PDB file of all heavy atoms in Angstrom:
ATOM      1  N   GLU A   1    -100.887  -7.925 -61.489  1.00  0.00           N
ATOM      2  CA  GLU A   1    -101.711  -7.019 -60.547  1.00  0.00           C
ATOM      3  C   GLU A   1    -102.285  -5.921 -61.392  1.00  0.00           C
ATOM      4  O   GLU A   1    -103.462  -5.503 -61.187  1.00  0.00           O
ATOM      5  CB  GLU A   1    -100.804  -6.547 -59.469  1.00  0.00           C
ATOM      6  CG  GLU A   1    -101.681  -5.716 -58.507  1.00  0.00           C
ATOM      7  CD  GLU A   1    -100.804  -5.284 -57.289  1.00  0.00           C
ATOM      8  OE1 GLU A   1     -99.504  -5.312 -57.256  1.00  0.00           O
ATOM      9  OE2 GLU A   1    -101.415  -4.722 -56.357  1.00  0.00           O
ATOM     10  N   VAL A   2    -101.514  -5.242 -62.163  1.00  0.00           N
ATOM     11  CA  VAL A   2    -101.972  -4.102 -62.849  1.00  0.00           C
ATOM     12  C   VAL A   2    -102.799  -4.541 -64.180  1.00  0.00           C
ATOM     13  O   VAL A   2    -103.878  -4.057 -64.265  1.00  0.00           O
ATOM     14  CB  VAL A   2    -100.754  -3.203 -63.303  1.00  0.00           C
ATOM     15  CG1 VAL A   2    -101.232  -2.015 -64.291  1.00  0.00           C
ATOM     16  CG2 VAL A   2     -99.993  -2.639 -62.067  1.00  0.00           C
ATOM     17  N   LEU A   3    -102.256  -5.291 -64.977  1.00  0.00           N
ATOM     18  CA  LEU A   3    -102.912  -5.669 -66.155  1.00  0.00           C
ATOM     19  C   LEU A   3    -104.210  -6.583 -65.949  1.00  0.00           C
ATOM     20  O   LEU A   3    -105.174  -6.294 -66.710  1.00  0.00           O
ATOM     21  CB  LEU A   3    -101.965  -6.258 -67.211  1.00  0.00           C
ATOM     22  CG  LEU A   3    -100.820  -5.362 -67.722  1.00  0.00           C
ATOM     23  CD1 LEU A   3     -99.830  -5.938 -68.550  1.00  0.00           C
ATOM     24  CD2 LEU A   3    -101.393  -4.029 -68.283  1.00  0.00           C
ATOM     25  N   ASP A   4    -104.056  -7.569 -65.083  1.00  0.00           N
ATOM     26  CA  ASP A   4    -105.277  -8.407 -64.976  1.00  0.00           C
ATOM     27  C   ASP A   4    -106.188  -7.755 -64.047  1.00  0.00           C
ATOM     28  O   ASP A   4    -107.413  -8.083 -63.963  1.00  0.00           O
ATOM     29  CB  ASP A   4    -104.812  -9.772 -64.425  1.00  0.00           C
ATOM     30  CG  ASP A   4    -104.026 -10.641 -65.348  1.00  0.00           C
ATOM     31  OD1 ASP A   4    -104.223 -10.364 -66.493  1.00  0.00           O
ATOM     32  OD2 ASP A   4    -103.364 -11.617 -64.904  1.00  0.00           O
ATOM     33  N   GLY A   5    -105.832  -6.814 -63.272  1.00  0.00           N
ATOM     34  CA  GLY A   5    -106.651  -6.046 -62.318  1.00  0.00           C
ATOM     35  C   GLY A   5    -107.407  -4.865 -62.868  1.00  0.00           C
ATOM     36  O   GLY A   5    -108.113  -4.186 -62.241  1.00  0.00           O
ATOM     37  N   THR A   6    -107.082  -4.653 -64.240  1.00  0.00           N
ATOM     38  CA  THR A   6    -107.716  -3.420 -64.924  1.00  0.00           C
ATOM     39  C   THR A   6    -108.545  -3.959 -65.942  1.00  0.00           C
ATOM     40  O   THR A   6    -107.935  -4.608 -66.934  1.00  0.00           O
ATOM     41  CB  THR A   6    -106.640  -2.429 -65.434  1.00  0.00           C
ATOM     42  OG1 THR A   6    -105.807  -2.078 -64.334  1.00  0.00           O
ATOM     43  CG2 THR A   6    -107.253  -1.209 -65.987  1.00  0.00           C
ATOM     44  N   THR A   7    -109.785  -3.627 -66.080  1.00  0.00           N
ATOM     45  CA  THR A   7    -110.605  -4.028 -67.183  1.00  0.00           C
ATOM     46  C   THR A   7    -110.714  -2.964 -68.130  1.00  0.00           C
ATOM     47  O   THR A   7    -110.390  -1.673 -67.978  1.00  0.00           O
ATOM     48  CB  THR A   7    -112.094  -4.261 -66.670  1.00  0.00           C
ATOM     49  OG1 THR A   7    -112.688  -3.072 -66.212  1.00  0.00           O
ATOM     50  CG2 THR A   7    -112.109  -5.378 -65.546  1.00  0.00           C
ATOM     51  N   LEU A   8    -111.254  -3.246 -69.425  1.00  0.00           N
ATOM     52  CA  LEU A   8    -111.587  -2.379 -70.395  1.00  0.00           C
ATOM     53  C   LEU A   8    -112.392  -1.311 -69.990  1.00  0.00           C
ATOM     54  O   LEU A   8    -112.126  -0.102 -70.213  1.00  0.00           O
ATOM     55  CB  LEU A   8    -112.100  -3.020 -71.703  1.00  0.00           C
ATOM     56  CG  LEU A   8    -111.135  -3.905 -72.521  1.00  0.00           C
ATOM     57  CD1 LEU A   8    -111.972  -4.563 -73.587  1.00  0.00           C
ATOM     58  CD2 LEU A   8    -109.972  -3.265 -73.140  1.00  0.00           C
ATOM     59  N   ASP A   9    -113.422  -1.610 -69.304  1.00  0.00           N
ATOM     60  CA  ASP A   9    -114.371  -0.568 -68.755  1.00  0.00           C
ATOM     61  C   ASP A   9    -113.766   0.379 -67.912  1.00  0.00           C
ATOM     62  O   ASP A   9    -114.012   1.621 -67.907  1.00  0.00           O
ATOM     63  CB  ASP A   9    -115.532  -1.408 -67.952  1.00  0.00           C
ATOM     64  CG  ASP A   9    -116.631  -0.430 -67.622  1.00  0.00           C
ATOM     65  OD1 ASP A   9    -117.170   0.334 -68.435  1.00  0.00           O
ATOM     66  OD2 ASP A   9    -117.048  -0.341 -66.332  1.00  0.00           O
ATOM     67  N   GLN A  10    -112.825  -0.025 -67.060  1.00  0.00           N
ATOM     68  CA  GLN A  10    -112.122   0.891 -66.063  1.00  0.00           C
ATOM     69  C   GLN A  10    -111.174   1.815 -66.827  1.00  0.00           C
ATOM     70  O   GLN A  10    -110.998   2.914 -66.505  1.00  0.00           O
ATOM     71  CB  GLN A  10    -111.248   0.011 -65.035  1.00  0.00           C
ATOM     72  CG  GLN A  10    -112.228  -0.631 -64.072  1.00  0.00           C
ATOM     73  CD  GLN A  10    -111.381  -1.706 -63.099  1.00  0.00           C
ATOM     74  OE1 GLN A  10    -110.577  -2.210 -63.668  1.00  0.00           O
ATOM     75  NE2 GLN A  10    -111.736  -1.623 -61.864  1.00  0.00           N
ATOM     76  N   ALA A  11    -110.433   1.161 -67.841  1.00  0.00           N
ATOM     77  CA  ALA A  11    -109.588   2.045 -68.616  1.00  0.00           C
ATOM     78  C   ALA A  11    -110.359   3.037 -69.461  1.00  0.00           C
ATOM     79  O   ALA A  11    -109.894   4.129 -69.736  1.00  0.00           O
ATOM     80  CB  ALA A  11    -108.664   1.131 -69.457  1.00  0.00           C
ATOM     81  N   LEU A  12    -111.498   2.645 -69.927  1.00  0.00           N
ATOM     82  CA  LEU A  12    -112.245   3.585 -70.786  1.00  0.00           C
ATOM     83  C   LEU A  12    -112.845   4.678 -69.992  1.00  0.00           C
ATOM     84  O   LEU A  12    -112.778   5.768 -70.410  1.00  0.00           O
ATOM     85  CB  LEU A  12    -113.439   2.778 -71.348  1.00  0.00           C
ATOM     86  CG  LEU A  12    -114.394   3.542 -72.407  1.00  0.00           C
ATOM     87  CD1 LEU A  12    -113.526   4.064 -73.605  1.00  0.00           C
ATOM     88  CD2 LEU A  12    -115.474   2.612 -72.874  1.00  0.00           C
ATOM     89  N   THR A  13    -113.333   4.439 -68.719  1.00  0.00           N
ATOM     90  CA  THR A  13    -113.971   5.453 -67.919  1.00  0.00           C
ATOM     91  C   THR A  13    -113.064   6.265 -67.028  1.00  0.00           C
ATOM     92  O   THR A  13    -113.307   7.332 -66.539  1.00  0.00           O
ATOM     93  CB  THR A  13    -115.093   4.911 -67.072  1.00  0.00           C
ATOM     94  OG1 THR A  13    -114.506   3.937 -66.115  1.00  0.00           O
ATOM     95  CG2 THR A  13    -116.192   4.045 -67.757  1.00  0.00           C
ATOM     96  N   GLY A  14    -111.893   5.651 -66.813  1.00  0.00           N
ATOM     97  CA  GLY A  14    -110.848   6.288 -65.912  1.00  0.00           C
ATOM     98  C   GLY A  14    -111.058   5.927 -64.490  1.00  0.00           C
ATOM     99  O   GLY A  14    -110.304   6.468 -63.675  1.00  0.00           O
ATOM    100  N   ALA A  15    -112.060   5.065 -64.266  1.00  0.00           N
ATOM    101  CA  ALA A  15    -112.220   4.508 -62.825  1.00  0.00           C
ATOM    102  C   ALA A  15    -111.261   3.442 -62.579  1.00  0.00           C
ATOM    103  O   ALA A  15    -111.677   2.298 -62.323  1.00  0.00           O
ATOM    104  CB  ALA A  15    -113.671   4.090 -62.667  1.00  0.00           C
ATOM    105  N   LEU A  16    -109.983   3.700 -62.547  1.00  0.00           N
ATOM    106  CA  LEU A  16    -108.959   2.759 -62.545  1.00  0.00           C
ATOM    107  C   LEU A  16    -108.905   2.161 -60.966  1.00  0.00           C
ATOM    108  O   LEU A  16    -109.179   2.828 -60.063  1.00  0.00           O
ATOM    109  CB  LEU A  16    -107.655   3.442 -62.816  1.00  0.00           C
ATOM    110  CG  LEU A  16    -107.563   3.896 -64.306  1.00  0.00           C
ATOM    111  CD1 LEU A  16    -106.319   4.702 -64.526  1.00  0.00           C
ATOM    112  CD2 LEU A  16    -107.714   2.587 -65.402  1.00  0.00           C
ATOM    113  N   PRO A  17    -108.462   0.841 -60.810  1.00  0.00           N
ATOM    114  CA  PRO A  17    -108.385   0.385 -59.539  1.00  0.00           C
ATOM    115  C   PRO A  17    -107.295   1.027 -58.711  1.00  0.00           C
ATOM    116  O   PRO A  17    -106.374   1.586 -59.249  1.00  0.00           O
ATOM    117  CB  PRO A  17    -108.008  -1.102 -59.939  1.00  0.00           C
ATOM    118  CG  PRO A  17    -107.598  -1.242 -61.317  1.00  0.00           C
ATOM    119  CD  PRO A  17    -108.158  -0.033 -61.970  1.00  0.00           C
ATOM    120  N   PRO A  18    -107.300   0.745 -57.517  1.00  0.00           N
ATOM    121  CA  PRO A  18    -106.518   1.520 -56.517  1.00  0.00           C
ATOM    122  C   PRO A  18    -104.942   1.090 -56.797  1.00  0.00           C
ATOM    123  O   PRO A  18    -104.099   1.831 -56.613  1.00  0.00           O
ATOM    124  CB  PRO A  18    -106.933   1.167 -55.095  1.00  0.00           C
ATOM    125  CG  PRO A  18    -108.283   0.636 -55.315  1.00  0.00           C
ATOM    126  CD  PRO A  18    -108.527   0.241 -56.779  1.00  0.00           C
ATOM    127  N   GLU A  19    -104.827  -0.139 -57.152  1.00  0.00           N
ATOM    128  CA  GLU A  19    -103.467  -0.724 -57.432  1.00  0.00           C
ATOM    129  C   GLU A  19    -102.764   0.162 -58.544  1.00  0.00           C
ATOM    130  O   GLU A  19    -101.589   0.398 -58.528  1.00  0.00           O
ATOM    131  CB  GLU A  19    -103.479  -2.060 -57.773  1.00  0.00           C
ATOM    132  CG  GLU A  19    -103.889  -3.025 -56.855  1.00  0.00           C
ATOM    133  CD  GLU A  19    -105.495  -3.143 -56.728  1.00  0.00           C
ATOM    134  OE1 GLU A  19    -106.166  -2.671 -57.570  1.00  0.00           O
ATOM    135  OE2 GLU A  19    -105.910  -3.643 -55.632  1.00  0.00           O
ATOM    136  N   VAL A  20    -103.566   0.745 -59.457  1.00  0.00           N
ATOM    137  CA  VAL A  20    -103.074   1.407 -60.567  1.00  0.00           C
ATOM    138  C   VAL A  20    -102.868   2.860 -60.192  1.00  0.00           C
ATOM    139  O   VAL A  20    -101.869   3.555 -60.342  1.00  0.00           O
ATOM    140  CB  VAL A  20    -103.979   1.263 -61.914  1.00  0.00           C
ATOM    141  CG1 VAL A  20    -103.608   2.289 -62.874  1.00  0.00           C
ATOM    142  CG2 VAL A  20    -104.060  -0.115 -62.276  1.00  0.00           C
ATOM    143  N   THR A  21    -104.035   3.434 -59.616  1.00  0.00           N
ATOM    144  CA  THR A  21    -103.885   4.909 -59.244  1.00  0.00           C
ATOM    145  C   THR A  21    -102.777   5.204 -58.065  1.00  0.00           C
ATOM    146  O   THR A  21    -102.246   6.180 -58.239  1.00  0.00           O
ATOM    147  CB  THR A  21    -105.196   5.464 -58.777  1.00  0.00           C
ATOM    148  OG1 THR A  21    -105.692   4.541 -57.673  1.00  0.00           O
ATOM    149  CG2 THR A  21    -106.240   5.252 -59.956  1.00  0.00           C
ATOM    150  N   SER A  22    -102.609   4.307 -57.237  1.00  0.00           N
ATOM    151  CA  SER A  22    -101.608   4.469 -56.161  1.00  0.00           C
ATOM    152  C   SER A  22    -100.265   4.392 -56.773  1.00  0.00           C
ATOM    153  O   SER A  22     -99.323   5.235 -56.354  1.00  0.00           O
ATOM    154  CB  SER A  22    -101.780   3.599 -55.078  1.00  0.00           C
ATOM    155  OG  SER A  22    -101.549   2.208 -55.404  1.00  0.00           O
ATOM    156  N   ARG A  23     -99.981   3.493 -57.661  1.00  0.00           N
ATOM    157  CA  ARG A  23     -98.765   3.459 -58.307  1.00  0.00           C
ATOM    158  C   ARG A  23     -98.506   4.616 -59.243  1.00  0.00           C
ATOM    159  O   ARG A  23     -97.291   5.124 -59.221  1.00  0.00           O
ATOM    160  CB  ARG A  23     -98.611   2.204 -59.117  1.00  0.00           C
ATOM    161  CG  ARG A  23     -98.470   0.845 -58.388  1.00  0.00           C
ATOM    162  CD  ARG A  23     -98.335  -0.374 -59.256  1.00  0.00           C
ATOM    163  NE  ARG A  23     -98.652  -1.551 -58.484  1.00  0.00           N
ATOM    164  CZ  ARG A  23     -97.626  -2.315 -58.060  1.00  0.00           C
ATOM    165  NH1 ARG A  23     -96.393  -1.933 -58.247  1.00  0.00           N
ATOM    166  NH2 ARG A  23     -97.870  -3.317 -57.452  1.00  0.00           N
ATOM    167  N   ALA A  24     -99.464   5.074 -59.996  1.00  0.00           N
ATOM    168  CA  ALA A  24     -99.349   6.356 -60.872  1.00  0.00           C
ATOM    169  C   ALA A  24     -99.193   7.427 -60.030  1.00  0.00           C
ATOM    170  O   ALA A  24     -98.763   8.553 -60.522  1.00  0.00           O
ATOM    171  CB  ALA A  24    -100.479   6.211 -61.849  1.00  0.00           C
ATOM    172  N   ALA A  25     -99.619   7.627 -58.767  1.00  0.00           N
ATOM    173  CA  ALA A  25     -99.686   8.827 -57.995  1.00  0.00           C
ATOM    174  C   ALA A  25     -98.218   9.031 -57.560  1.00  0.00           C
ATOM    175  O   ALA A  25     -97.967  10.189 -56.983  1.00  0.00           O
ATOM    176  CB  ALA A  25    -100.644   8.686 -56.840  1.00  0.00           C
ATOM    177  N   ASP A  26     -97.372   8.170 -57.490  1.00  0.00           N
ATOM    178  CA  ASP A  26     -95.959   8.300 -56.979  1.00  0.00           C
ATOM    179  C   ASP A  26     -95.212   9.104 -58.141  1.00  0.00           C
ATOM    180  O   ASP A  26     -95.166   8.770 -59.201  1.00  0.00           O
ATOM    181  CB  ASP A  26     -95.379   6.972 -56.818  1.00  0.00           C
ATOM    182  CG  ASP A  26     -93.874   6.980 -56.379  1.00  0.00           C
ATOM    183  OD1 ASP A  26     -93.433   8.110 -56.360  1.00  0.00           O
ATOM    184  OD2 ASP A  26     -93.361   5.886 -56.149  1.00  0.00           O
ATOM    185  N   PRO A  27     -94.831  10.338 -57.938  1.00  0.00           N
ATOM    186  CA  PRO A  27     -94.193  11.239 -58.751  1.00  0.00           C
ATOM    187  C   PRO A  27     -92.973  10.449 -59.504  1.00  0.00           C
ATOM    188  O   PRO A  27     -92.537  10.668 -60.693  1.00  0.00           O
ATOM    189  CB  PRO A  27     -93.637  12.400 -57.879  1.00  0.00           C
ATOM    190  CG  PRO A  27     -94.604  12.418 -56.830  1.00  0.00           C
ATOM    191  CD  PRO A  27     -94.883  10.986 -56.512  1.00  0.00           C
ATOM    192  N   LEU A  28     -92.254   9.584 -58.636  1.00  0.00           N
ATOM    193  CA  LEU A  28     -91.155   8.872 -59.180  1.00  0.00           C
ATOM    194  C   LEU A  28     -91.528   7.924 -60.434  1.00  0.00           C
ATOM    195  O   LEU A  28     -90.746   7.531 -61.287  1.00  0.00           O
ATOM    196  CB  LEU A  28     -90.381   8.092 -58.183  1.00  0.00           C
ATOM    197  CG  LEU A  28     -89.674   9.011 -57.089  1.00  0.00           C
ATOM    198  CD1 LEU A  28     -89.037   8.006 -56.056  1.00  0.00           C
ATOM    199  CD2 LEU A  28     -88.748   9.907 -57.632  1.00  0.00           C
ATOM    200  N   ALA A  29     -92.690   7.551 -60.362  1.00  0.00           N
ATOM    201  CA  ALA A  29     -93.314   6.545 -61.412  1.00  0.00           C
ATOM    202  C   ALA A  29     -93.199   7.237 -62.807  1.00  0.00           C
ATOM    203  O   ALA A  29     -93.163   6.571 -63.804  1.00  0.00           O
ATOM    204  CB  ALA A  29     -94.655   6.025 -61.161  1.00  0.00           C
TER     205      ALA A  29
END
């Protein structure tokens, strides 16, 4: 979900998919 759902373009620009940003938004992460 995270690795296949994130493209180089998204990682380069920081426009990450919601699956990534929502997981990273959790302080426990």
